[in-house]
Amino acid sequence: MHGWIILDKPHGLGSTQAVSAVKRALRTQRELLGGTEKWKVGHGGTLDPLATGVLPIAVGEATKLAGRMLDSDKIYDFTVRFGSQTDTLDLEGKVIAQSDHLPTLAQVEAVLPGFTGPIEQAPPAYSAILIDGQRAYDLARKGEAVEMKLRSVTIHGLEISSPQGGEDGTACPRSGLAKPGEGEGAPNPSPSAARQQAAEPCYPLPQGERISEVTLTAHVSKGTYIRSLARDIAIALGTVGHVTMLRRIKAGPFALESAISLDKLDEAARGGTIGGLMLPLTAGLDDIPALAVSPDQALALRQGKVLSGSDIATGLHLAFDGVIPVALVEMLDGEIRVVRGFNLMPKEED
């Protein structure tokens, strides 16, 4: 029970509420199996209630790695609706600006390179950033003017996922070459699901036709606000806009394919099988090379001691005593120092 539960977070649920849901599920299983041990639980990075998708939940010793998830890159699908801007930059807020101008698909494509690479953005006023000891969203809700300082972030990739347009807002499913007006009344596939079905992008709308919405996919660094990115893209297009859909499809090494619903988690809790849904603690360290250590070296690392005389490469390593993760360590100047130690001991033989 030391590892990761990757939730496909539903709309309307906050990250703290998601952690509480996992705690309840673990408690349900513990009561069912008659256990007494309680597990630490924490999330690896917040996800707005508006957003859905990948939310890594760390359990047990994996909570010591939750901070690494905060520093990891993320990938999002998000839909920008042009013509109106809200105070929250999403569907939750009230409209504060409007524009009759709608861009063409070609114009959207043309501005995206300007938002790729290192950029500066002002976070939304409705965010959890602290200003003089108070959350920005608390100040904004009081009607106070909130000045958000620019911050540097990196957009590693930004592309059109599924354009929408025309007066009827007909979507372009990437799984086919549907034209405006085809398939009306049918639900639109999620961008991530549609991408899996498509061999190449589908642009059924004429390049000169005005579009009311567009769905984009962004691969971003830590600290990036997708709502701010959507706002700034709309402004660059000579209009205003806000986010109507936000779905995280990857967080660090964890992808949507590994995510489970809360219903599935609750079902597993009632069956006492949550462990079967969990990814191992090491799943969050797939990019870290392994380092085999002896039992004596493992004991020294568990005691926080420094090992010397090794010729391994400089940088982070994951020390193993057999198959048991001992510690995340760093090799520097010929010394191996513990960065994060794990309280995991080999089982004693009968």
Protein backbone atom coordinates (compact mmCIF):
# COMPACT_ATOMS: atom_id res chain seq x y z
CA MET A 1 0.00 0.00 0.00
CA HIS A 2 2.85 2.38 -0.79
CA GLY A 3 2.29 3.82 -4.24
CA TRP A 4 0.09 5.89 -6.51
CA ILE A 5 -3.61 5.99 -7.22
CA ILE A 6 -4.10 7.92 -10.45
CA LEU A 7 -7.57 9.44 -10.43
CA ASP A 8 -9.51 10.60 -13.45
CA LYS A 9 -10.83 13.54 -11.47
CA PRO A 10 -14.43 14.45 -12.29
CA HIS A 11 -15.68 17.95 -12.96
CA GLY A 12 -16.57 19.96 -9.86
CA LEU A 13 -14.32 18.09 -7.44
CA GLY A 14 -11.37 19.92 -5.86
CA SER A 15 -7.99 18.28 -5.29
CA THR A 16 -8.42 18.30 -1.50
CA GLN A 17 -11.83 16.65 -1.91
CA ALA A 18 -10.23 14.02 -4.13
CA VAL A 19 -7.68 13.23 -1.40
CA SER A 20 -10.55 12.92 1.09
CA ALA A 21 -12.32 10.50 -1.26
CA VAL A 22 -9.21 8.31 -1.41
CA LYS A 23 -8.90 8.40 2.38
CA ARG A 24 -12.52 7.28 2.71
CA ALA A 25 -11.92 4.43 0.27
CA LEU A 26 -8.85 3.28 2.19
CA ARG A 27 -10.81 3.46 5.44
CA THR A 28 -13.63 1.41 3.91
CA GLN A 29 -11.15 -1.27 2.85
CA ARG A 30 -9.40 -1.23 6.23
CA GLU A 31 -12.70 -1.76 8.06
CA LEU A 32 -13.67 -4.53 5.65
CA LEU A 33 -10.39 -6.42 6.12
CA GLY A 34 -10.12 -5.74 9.83
CA GLY A 35 -6.84 -3.86 9.54
CA THR A 36 -5.60 -1.12 11.83
CA GLU A 37 -2.87 0.61 9.84
CA LYS A 38 -3.59 4.09 8.52
CA TRP A 39 -1.91 5.50 5.42
CA LYS A 40 -0.69 8.97 4.62
CA VAL A 41 -2.38 10.37 1.51
CA GLY A 42 -1.51 13.45 -0.56
CA HIS A 43 -1.93 14.76 -4.10
CA GLY A 44 0.82 15.45 -6.57
CA GLY A 45 -0.33 18.87 -7.74
CA THR A 46 -3.67 20.65 -7.65
CA LEU A 47 -6.29 20.51 -10.37
CA ASP A 48 -9.06 23.13 -10.53
CA PRO A 49 -12.63 21.94 -9.79
CA LEU A 50 -13.48 22.97 -13.37
CA ALA A 51 -10.80 20.64 -14.74
CA THR A 52 -10.98 16.88 -15.19
CA GLY A 53 -8.35 14.26 -15.78
CA VAL A 54 -5.11 13.01 -14.30
CA LEU A 55 -4.65 13.66 -10.59
CA PRO A 56 -1.87 11.56 -8.99
CA ILE A 57 -2.69 10.62 -5.39
CA ALA A 58 0.27 9.40 -3.33
CA VAL A 59 -0.29 6.79 -0.62
CA GLY A 60 2.09 5.80 2.16
CA GLU A 61 5.79 6.34 1.46
CA ALA A 62 4.94 7.68 -2.01
CA THR A 63 3.80 10.90 -0.30
CA LYS A 64 7.51 11.70 0.07
CA LEU A 65 7.63 12.05 -3.71
CA ALA A 66 4.47 14.15 -4.13
CA GLY A 67 6.56 17.32 -4.27
CA ARG A 68 8.34 16.04 -7.38
CA MET A 69 5.00 15.95 -9.16
CA LEU A 70 4.63 19.69 -8.53
CA ASP A 71 7.78 20.27 -10.57
CA SER A 72 6.80 17.97 -13.44
CA ASP A 73 5.52 18.92 -16.87
CA LYS A 74 1.82 18.57 -17.62
CA ILE A 75 -0.23 18.05 -20.80
CA TYR A 76 -3.73 19.50 -21.14
CA ASP A 77 -6.56 19.54 -23.63
CA PHE A 78 -8.56 22.75 -23.36
CA THR A 79 -11.28 24.53 -25.29
CA VAL A 80 -11.26 28.30 -25.79
CA ARG A 81 -14.57 30.02 -26.54
CA PHE A 82 -14.07 33.30 -28.34
CA GLY A 83 -16.18 36.43 -27.98
CA SER A 84 -16.47 36.75 -24.20
CA GLN A 85 -14.14 36.89 -21.21
CA THR A 86 -15.14 36.09 -17.64
CA ASP A 87 -13.59 37.29 -14.41
CA THR A 88 -12.46 33.73 -13.60
CA LEU A 89 -11.36 33.07 -17.22
CA ASP A 90 -13.62 29.99 -17.28
CA LEU A 91 -17.29 29.02 -17.26
CA GLU A 92 -17.63 29.66 -13.53
CA GLY A 93 -17.36 33.44 -13.69
CA LYS A 94 -19.37 36.39 -14.93
CA VAL A 95 -18.75 38.02 -18.28
CA ILE A 96 -16.58 41.13 -17.99
CA ALA A 97 -15.68 41.74 -21.64
CA GLN A 98 -17.18 40.92 -25.03
CA SER A 99 -16.13 41.14 -28.66
CA ASP A 100 -17.92 40.52 -31.95
CA HIS A 101 -14.67 39.50 -33.61
CA LEU A 102 -14.11 35.79 -34.20
CA PRO A 103 -10.83 34.46 -35.62
CA THR A 104 -10.30 32.02 -38.46
CA LEU A 105 -8.59 28.69 -38.01
CA ALA A 106 -5.63 29.98 -40.02
CA GLN A 107 -5.28 32.93 -37.65
CA VAL A 108 -5.30 30.62 -34.64
CA GLU A 109 -2.60 28.48 -36.21
CA ALA A 110 -0.55 31.58 -36.96
CA VAL A 111 -0.44 32.88 -33.36
CA LEU A 112 0.37 29.61 -31.62
CA PRO A 113 4.13 29.71 -32.33
CA GLY A 114 4.25 33.00 -30.41
CA PHE A 115 3.09 31.13 -27.31
CA THR A 116 5.57 28.27 -27.64
CA GLY A 117 8.82 28.21 -25.71
CA PRO A 118 9.67 30.44 -22.73
CA ILE A 119 6.92 33.01 -22.17
CA GLU A 120 5.67 35.30 -19.44
CA GLN A 121 2.08 35.23 -18.24
CA ALA A 122 0.00 36.87 -15.55
CA PRO A 123 -1.85 34.27 -13.45
CA PRO A 124 -5.63 34.62 -13.13
CA ALA A 125 -6.92 36.84 -10.34
CA TYR A 126 -8.97 33.84 -9.27
CA SER A 127 -6.01 31.66 -8.29
CA ALA A 128 -4.47 30.36 -5.07
CA ILE A 129 -1.41 32.61 -5.27
CA LEU A 130 -0.66 34.45 -2.02
CA ILE A 131 -0.71 38.25 -2.06
CA ASP A 132 0.31 39.84 1.23
CA GLY A 133 -0.67 36.65 3.02
CA GLN A 134 -4.08 36.27 1.36
CA ARG A 135 -5.20 34.06 -1.49
CA ALA A 136 -5.75 35.98 -4.70
CA TYR A 137 -9.18 34.41 -5.19
CA ASP A 138 -10.30 35.61 -1.75
CA LEU A 139 -9.34 39.18 -2.64
CA ALA A 140 -11.02 38.89 -6.04
CA ARG A 141 -14.24 37.60 -4.49
CA LYS A 142 -14.29 40.64 -2.21
CA GLY A 143 -14.19 42.85 -5.29
CA GLU A 144 -10.69 44.12 -4.58
CA ALA A 145 -8.34 44.94 -7.44
CA VAL A 146 -5.77 42.18 -7.73
CA GLU A 147 -2.50 42.89 -9.54
CA MET A 148 -0.89 39.64 -10.64
CA LYS A 149 2.84 39.78 -11.35
CA LEU A 150 4.17 38.20 -14.51
CA ARG A 151 5.81 34.81 -14.13
CA SER A 152 8.07 32.89 -16.49
CA VAL A 153 6.83 29.52 -17.75
CA THR A 154 7.66 27.28 -20.70
CA ILE A 155 5.21 25.96 -23.28
CA HIS A 156 6.94 22.91 -24.76
CA GLY A 157 4.23 22.25 -27.31
CA LEU A 158 0.95 23.84 -28.41
CA GLU A 159 -1.26 22.58 -31.21
CA ILE A 160 -4.82 22.53 -32.46
CA SER A 161 -6.57 19.39 -31.30
CA SER A 162 -10.13 19.84 -32.51
CA PRO A 163 -11.39 23.07 -34.10
CA GLN A 164 -15.00 24.07 -33.72
CA GLY A 165 -16.78 26.77 -35.61
CA GLY A 166 -19.67 28.00 -37.65
CA GLU A 167 -22.83 29.49 -36.24
CA ASP A 168 -23.98 26.06 -35.01
CA GLY A 169 -20.63 25.37 -33.28
CA THR A 170 -20.27 22.05 -35.13
CA ALA A 171 -17.21 20.14 -33.95
CA CYS A 172 -14.52 18.49 -36.01
CA PRO A 173 -14.00 14.91 -34.79
CA ARG A 174 -10.40 14.00 -35.58
CA SER A 175 -11.47 10.39 -36.07
CA GLY A 176 -13.00 11.29 -39.43
CA LEU A 177 -13.44 13.97 -42.03
CA ALA A 178 -16.84 15.20 -40.92
CA LYS A 179 -18.04 18.40 -42.52
CA PRO A 180 -20.03 21.10 -40.77
CA GLY A 181 -23.59 19.86 -40.35
CA GLU A 182 -22.72 16.14 -40.32
CA GLY A 183 -23.42 14.08 -37.22
CA GLU A 184 -25.51 16.74 -35.53
CA GLY A 185 -26.87 15.68 -32.17
CA ALA A 186 -24.10 13.14 -31.60
CA PRO A 187 -21.78 13.71 -28.64
CA ASN A 188 -18.35 15.00 -29.50
CA PRO A 189 -15.47 12.68 -28.56
CA SER A 190 -12.97 13.92 -26.01
CA PRO A 191 -9.85 15.36 -27.66
CA SER A 192 -7.65 12.68 -26.09
CA ALA A 193 -9.90 9.84 -27.31
CA ALA A 194 -10.22 11.41 -30.74
CA ARG A 195 -6.45 11.78 -31.05
CA GLN A 196 -6.01 8.06 -30.47
CA GLN A 197 -8.31 7.30 -33.39
CA ALA A 198 -6.78 9.73 -35.84
CA ALA A 199 -3.75 9.22 -38.01
CA GLU A 200 -3.50 12.89 -38.93
CA PRO A 201 -5.23 16.18 -38.06
CA CYS A 202 -8.67 16.85 -39.50
CA TYR A 203 -9.52 20.41 -40.51
CA PRO A 204 -12.97 20.30 -42.11
CA LEU A 205 -13.55 24.01 -41.72
CA PRO A 206 -12.39 26.29 -44.53
CA GLN A 207 -9.33 28.22 -43.40
CA GLY A 208 -11.17 31.50 -43.93
CA GLU A 209 -14.28 30.59 -41.93
CA ARG A 210 -14.72 32.24 -38.53
CA ILE A 211 -14.69 29.87 -35.58
CA SER A 212 -16.42 30.30 -32.24
CA GLU A 213 -14.31 27.74 -30.34
CA VAL A 214 -11.13 25.74 -30.71
CA THR A 215 -9.69 22.91 -28.66
CA LEU A 216 -5.94 22.95 -28.14
CA THR A 217 -3.39 20.60 -26.61
CA ALA A 218 -0.60 22.16 -24.53
CA HIS A 219 2.52 20.55 -23.04
CA VAL A 220 3.58 22.96 -20.31
CA SER A 221 6.05 23.45 -17.48
CA LYS A 222 5.13 23.72 -13.83
CA GLY A 223 3.36 26.92 -12.83
CA THR A 224 1.58 27.39 -16.16
CA TYR A 225 -2.00 28.63 -15.97
CA ILE A 226 -4.03 27.31 -18.90
CA ARG A 227 -6.78 29.87 -18.27
CA SER A 228 -4.22 32.66 -18.66
CA LEU A 229 -2.84 31.03 -21.80
CA ALA A 230 -6.35 30.91 -23.31
CA ARG A 231 -6.95 34.56 -22.38
CA ASP A 232 -3.70 35.68 -23.98
CA ILE A 233 -4.23 33.66 -27.16
CA ALA A 234 -7.65 35.28 -27.60
CA ILE A 235 -6.19 38.75 -27.06
CA ALA A 236 -3.47 38.04 -29.64
CA LEU A 237 -6.26 37.19 -32.07
CA GLY A 238 -7.90 40.56 -31.51
CA THR A 239 -10.76 39.25 -29.42
CA VAL A 240 -11.45 37.91 -25.93
CA GLY A 241 -12.05 34.38 -24.71
CA HIS A 242 -12.38 31.99 -21.81
CA VAL A 243 -11.92 28.28 -21.11
CA THR A 244 -14.98 26.05 -21.38
CA MET A 245 -13.24 22.67 -21.06
CA LEU A 246 -9.98 21.72 -19.35
CA ARG A 247 -8.73 18.15 -19.14
CA ARG A 248 -5.30 17.06 -17.93
CA ILE A 249 -4.16 14.06 -19.92
CA LYS A 250 -0.69 13.69 -18.41
CA ALA A 251 1.09 14.75 -15.21
CA GLY A 252 4.76 13.86 -15.05
CA PRO A 253 5.03 10.14 -15.86
CA PHE A 254 1.31 9.50 -15.24
CA ALA A 255 -1.04 9.39 -18.23
CA LEU A 256 -4.81 9.21 -18.58
CA GLU A 257 -4.56 5.54 -19.57
CA SER A 258 -3.56 4.72 -15.97
CA ALA A 259 -6.33 6.79 -14.38
CA ILE A 260 -9.38 5.34 -12.65
CA SER A 261 -12.76 6.83 -11.76
CA LEU A 262 -13.96 7.40 -8.21
CA ASP A 263 -16.67 4.80 -8.84
CA LYS A 264 -14.04 2.19 -9.68
CA LEU A 265 -12.05 3.17 -6.58
CA ASP A 266 -15.14 2.80 -4.36
CA GLU A 267 -15.92 -0.58 -5.93
CA ALA A 268 -12.36 -1.76 -5.23
CA ALA A 269 -12.60 -0.52 -1.63
CA ARG A 270 -15.73 -2.56 -1.04
CA GLY A 271 -13.98 -5.59 -2.50
CA GLY A 272 -10.75 -5.04 -0.58
CA THR A 273 -8.72 -4.76 -3.81
CA ILE A 274 -7.45 -1.16 -3.88
CA GLY A 275 -3.88 -2.45 -3.91
CA GLY A 276 -4.52 -3.95 -7.33
CA LEU A 277 -5.35 -0.51 -8.75
CA MET A 278 -2.25 1.17 -7.38
CA LEU A 279 0.95 1.87 -9.27
CA PRO A 280 4.16 1.17 -7.35
CA LEU A 281 6.05 3.91 -5.55
CA THR A 282 8.76 3.67 -8.20
CA ALA A 283 6.29 4.55 -10.98
CA GLY A 284 6.86 8.19 -10.10
CA LEU A 285 10.59 7.78 -10.68
CA ASP A 286 10.70 6.08 -14.05
CA ASP A 287 13.21 8.61 -15.32
CA ILE A 288 15.67 8.00 -12.45
CA PRO A 289 18.40 5.35 -12.95
CA ALA A 290 18.49 2.48 -10.46
CA LEU A 291 21.42 1.93 -8.10
CA ALA A 292 21.89 -1.47 -6.46
CA VAL A 293 23.25 -1.29 -2.90
CA SER A 294 24.26 -3.96 -0.43
CA PRO A 295 22.27 -4.60 2.77
CA ASP A 296 24.96 -2.77 4.77
CA GLN A 297 24.84 0.21 2.42
CA ALA A 298 21.05 0.18 2.55
CA LEU A 299 21.17 0.31 6.35
CA ALA A 300 23.59 3.25 6.22
CA LEU A 301 21.31 5.13 3.80
CA ARG A 302 18.27 4.46 5.98
CA GLN A 303 20.22 6.06 8.83
CA GLY A 304 20.92 9.11 6.66
CA LYS A 305 24.63 8.39 6.33
CA VAL A 306 26.76 9.44 3.35
CA LEU A 307 28.31 6.77 1.13
CA SER A 308 31.58 7.48 -0.61
CA GLY A 309 33.93 5.92 -3.12
CA SER A 310 31.36 5.18 -5.79
CA ASP A 311 32.03 5.75 -9.49
CA ILE A 312 28.40 6.18 -10.56
CA ALA A 313 27.34 9.14 -12.67
CA THR A 314 26.62 12.48 -11.06
CA GLY A 315 22.94 13.16 -10.40
CA LEU A 316 19.88 11.47 -8.95
CA HIS A 317 19.61 7.70 -8.52
CA LEU A 318 17.08 5.35 -6.92
CA ALA A 319 18.86 3.03 -4.50
CA PHE A 320 17.52 -0.53 -4.23
CA ASP A 321 18.26 -3.27 -1.73
CA GLY A 322 17.24 -6.17 -3.94
CA VAL A 323 13.75 -5.13 -5.07
CA ILE A 324 13.09 -2.82 -2.12
CA PRO A 325 13.42 0.94 -2.81
CA VAL A 326 15.73 2.36 -0.14
CA ALA A 327 16.10 6.03 -1.00
CA LEU A 328 16.22 8.63 -3.70
CA VAL A 329 19.88 9.66 -3.58
CA GLU A 330 22.15 12.17 -5.28
CA MET A 331 25.70 11.50 -6.38
CA LEU A 332 27.87 14.61 -6.11
CA ASP A 333 31.65 14.99 -5.76
CA GLY A 334 32.13 11.29 -5.11
CA GLU A 335 29.54 11.13 -2.32
CA ILE A 336 26.07 9.62 -2.27
CA ARG A 337 23.63 11.57 -0.12
CA VAL A 338 19.99 10.81 0.66
CA VAL A 339 17.43 13.12 -0.92
CA ARG A 340 14.34 11.17 0.16
CA GLY A 341 14.50 8.03 2.27
CA PHE A 342 11.78 5.37 2.28
CA ASN A 343 10.70 3.46 5.35
CA LEU A 344 10.37 0.15 3.49
CA MET A 345 12.03 -2.91 4.98
CA PRO A 346 12.50 -6.37 3.45
CA LYS A 347 10.10 -8.94 4.87
CA GLU A 348 11.65 -11.31 7.36
CA GLU A 349 11.82 -14.93 6.27
CA ASP A 350 9.81 -17.46 8.25
